[in-house]
Protein backbone atom coordinates (compact mmCIF):
# COMPACT_ATOMS: atom_id res chain seq x y z
CA UNK A 1 81.07 53.71 4.89
CA UNK A 2 78.36 52.62 2.46
CA UNK A 3 78.57 49.28 0.76
CA UNK A 4 81.12 49.64 -2.13
CA UNK A 5 79.00 47.47 -4.41
CA UNK A 6 76.08 49.93 -4.10
CA UNK A 7 78.40 52.74 -5.20
CA UNK A 8 79.79 50.78 -8.14
CA UNK A 9 76.52 49.30 -9.41
CA UNK A 10 75.17 52.50 -11.09
CA UNK A 11 78.43 52.82 -13.04
CA UNK A 12 78.24 49.22 -14.25
CA UNK A 13 74.53 49.21 -15.06
CA UNK A 14 73.56 52.76 -16.06
CA UNK A 15 70.00 53.99 -15.97
CA UNK A 16 68.55 55.38 -19.19
CA UNK A 17 66.22 57.62 -17.20
CA UNK A 18 68.74 60.46 -17.22
CA UNK A 19 67.52 61.69 -20.63
CA UNK A 20 65.02 64.53 -20.20
CA UNK A 21 63.96 64.44 -23.83
CA UNK A 22 65.02 62.30 -26.73
CA UNK A 23 65.61 64.73 -29.56
CA UNK A 24 67.80 64.94 -32.65
CA UNK A 25 71.43 65.91 -32.13
CA UNK A 26 72.72 68.94 -33.94
CA UNK A 27 75.07 68.50 -36.86
CA UNK A 28 78.06 70.81 -36.75
CA UNK A 29 79.03 72.26 -40.12
CA UNK A 30 81.85 74.69 -40.82
CA UNK A 31 82.81 77.03 -43.62
CA UNK A 32 86.03 78.84 -44.46
CA UNK A 33 86.27 82.20 -46.18
CA UNK A 34 89.07 84.49 -47.39
CA UNK A 35 87.55 87.57 -45.72
CA UNK A 36 85.39 88.24 -42.67
CA UNK A 37 82.44 89.52 -44.70
CA UNK A 38 82.63 86.89 -47.46
CA UNK A 39 79.55 84.92 -48.34
CA UNK A 40 79.63 81.42 -46.80
CA UNK A 41 78.43 78.89 -49.36
CA UNK A 42 80.68 75.86 -48.93
CA UNK A 43 79.50 74.29 -45.65
CA UNK A 44 81.12 70.99 -44.69
CA UNK A 45 80.09 68.57 -41.98
CA UNK A 46 82.52 68.42 -39.07
CA UNK A 47 83.84 64.88 -38.69
CA UNK A 48 81.24 63.04 -40.78
CA UNK A 49 80.61 59.44 -39.80
CA UNK A 50 82.28 56.84 -42.00
CA UNK A 51 80.04 54.89 -44.34
CA UNK A 52 81.58 51.57 -43.29
CA UNK A 53 83.49 50.43 -40.21
CA UNK A 54 85.10 47.02 -40.19
CA UNK A 55 84.31 44.60 -37.35
CA UNK A 56 87.93 44.80 -36.15
CA UNK A 57 87.72 48.61 -35.99
CA UNK A 58 84.41 48.39 -34.10
CA UNK A 59 85.98 46.06 -31.56
CA UNK A 60 89.00 48.33 -31.13
CA UNK A 61 86.70 51.34 -30.68
CA UNK A 62 85.07 49.66 -27.70
CA UNK A 63 88.34 50.05 -25.82
CA UNK A 64 90.04 53.08 -27.36
CA UNK A 65 88.35 55.86 -29.27
CA UNK A 66 89.52 59.33 -28.20
CA UNK A 67 88.49 60.93 -31.50
CA UNK A 68 84.88 59.84 -31.05
CA UNK A 69 84.92 61.06 -27.44
CA UNK A 70 86.01 64.49 -28.69
CA UNK A 71 83.24 64.43 -31.29
CA UNK A 72 80.69 63.64 -28.57
CA UNK A 73 82.05 66.56 -26.55
CA UNK A 74 81.52 68.88 -29.54
CA UNK A 75 77.93 67.62 -29.90
CA UNK A 76 77.36 68.26 -26.20
CA UNK A 77 78.72 71.81 -26.59
CA UNK A 78 76.43 72.29 -29.60
CA UNK A 79 73.39 71.14 -27.62
CA UNK A 80 74.29 73.54 -24.80
CA UNK A 81 74.78 76.34 -27.33
CA UNK A 82 71.23 75.90 -28.61
CA UNK A 83 69.67 75.61 -25.13
CA UNK A 84 71.76 78.17 -23.26
CA UNK A 85 74.40 79.97 -25.37
CA UNK A 86 77.78 80.57 -23.74
CA UNK A 87 81.13 81.76 -25.03
CA UNK A 88 82.72 78.62 -23.61
CA UNK A 89 80.67 76.32 -25.85
CA UNK A 90 81.46 78.43 -28.92
CA UNK A 91 85.16 78.57 -28.03
CA UNK A 92 85.36 74.80 -27.61
CA UNK A 93 83.68 74.12 -30.96
CA UNK A 94 85.95 76.63 -32.71
CA UNK A 95 88.99 75.10 -30.99
CA UNK A 96 88.16 71.53 -32.09
CA UNK A 97 87.43 72.50 -35.70
CA UNK A 98 90.56 74.67 -35.94
CA UNK A 99 92.70 71.85 -34.51
CA UNK A 100 91.43 69.49 -37.21
CA UNK A 101 92.09 72.09 -39.91
CA UNK A 102 95.58 73.01 -38.65
CA UNK A 103 97.18 70.20 -40.67
CA UNK A 104 95.70 71.54 -43.92
CA UNK A 105 97.40 74.71 -45.18
CA UNK A 106 95.79 77.47 -47.27
CA UNK A 107 92.17 76.67 -46.53
CA UNK A 108 90.93 80.16 -45.79
CA UNK A 109 91.53 82.83 -43.22
CA UNK A 110 88.11 83.03 -41.53
CA UNK A 111 86.21 80.17 -39.89
CA UNK A 112 82.52 80.00 -39.06
CA UNK A 113 80.32 77.14 -37.91
CA UNK A 114 76.62 76.48 -37.72
CA UNK A 115 74.35 73.98 -36.01
CA UNK A 116 71.91 72.16 -38.24
CA UNK A 117 69.07 69.95 -37.08
CA UNK A 118 67.60 67.36 -39.43
CA UNK A 119 64.05 66.16 -39.09
CA UNK A 120 61.86 63.93 -41.17
CA UNK A 121 58.62 65.36 -42.55
CA UNK A 122 56.93 62.44 -44.27
CA UNK A 123 59.37 61.28 -46.92
CA UNK A 124 61.44 64.47 -46.96
CA UNK A 125 64.27 65.39 -44.61
CA UNK A 126 64.21 69.04 -43.60
CA UNK A 127 67.27 70.97 -42.44
CA UNK A 128 66.92 73.75 -39.90
CA UNK A 129 69.83 76.02 -38.97
CA UNK A 130 69.42 76.98 -35.31
CA UNK A 131 72.71 78.76 -34.76
CA UNK A 132 75.44 80.32 -36.88
CA UNK A 133 78.58 81.76 -35.36
CA UNK A 134 80.24 84.99 -36.29
CA UNK A 135 83.43 84.37 -38.29
CA UNK A 136 86.73 84.17 -36.41
CA UNK A 137 90.22 84.50 -37.82
CA UNK A 138 91.62 80.96 -38.00
CA UNK A 139 95.08 82.11 -36.84
CA UNK A 140 93.63 83.65 -33.66
CA UNK A 141 91.98 80.44 -32.40
CA UNK A 142 94.02 78.75 -29.67
CA UNK A 143 94.13 75.03 -30.54
CA UNK A 144 96.03 73.72 -27.53
C-alpha cells in the first residue's frame, strides 16, 4: 500500500495547475412569462452575490455553505453548457432555479434562462449572451 501521507497531501495542498484556461464565469439569468411565446424582457440574475457579508458570516461560510456549493454547481453546469451542450446541464439549471422560485407563488407559468458573459472593453463592460434556453412550463420541472 502506498504511503497514506502521499495520498492525502494533494487534498490538503491543492495544485492550481488544474485550470486549463482562466476565463470569465457565465452569469445565469432567468425570466418568467405568462405564455410560452411571450417576449422575455425582465431578466433577473440567479442568486446574485450579496453586497456585504459580515465577518461572522464569512467565518461560518468556511465551514458550512450548502447554498454556495449549489450555486457553484450551477455555474459548472453553465460552463459545460457553453462548451458542450447537454440536456443534463440544462435540466439541472432549470431544476435549481425552479426550486428557488417554488416558494414564490404567481410568478409566471413559463421559465427560461440564459448565460451571459461579461467582459471589460476599456472602461465599458460588455455583455454577451452565449446561450438562451427554450421556455419550460414551471409546473413541469421536477424540483426534487
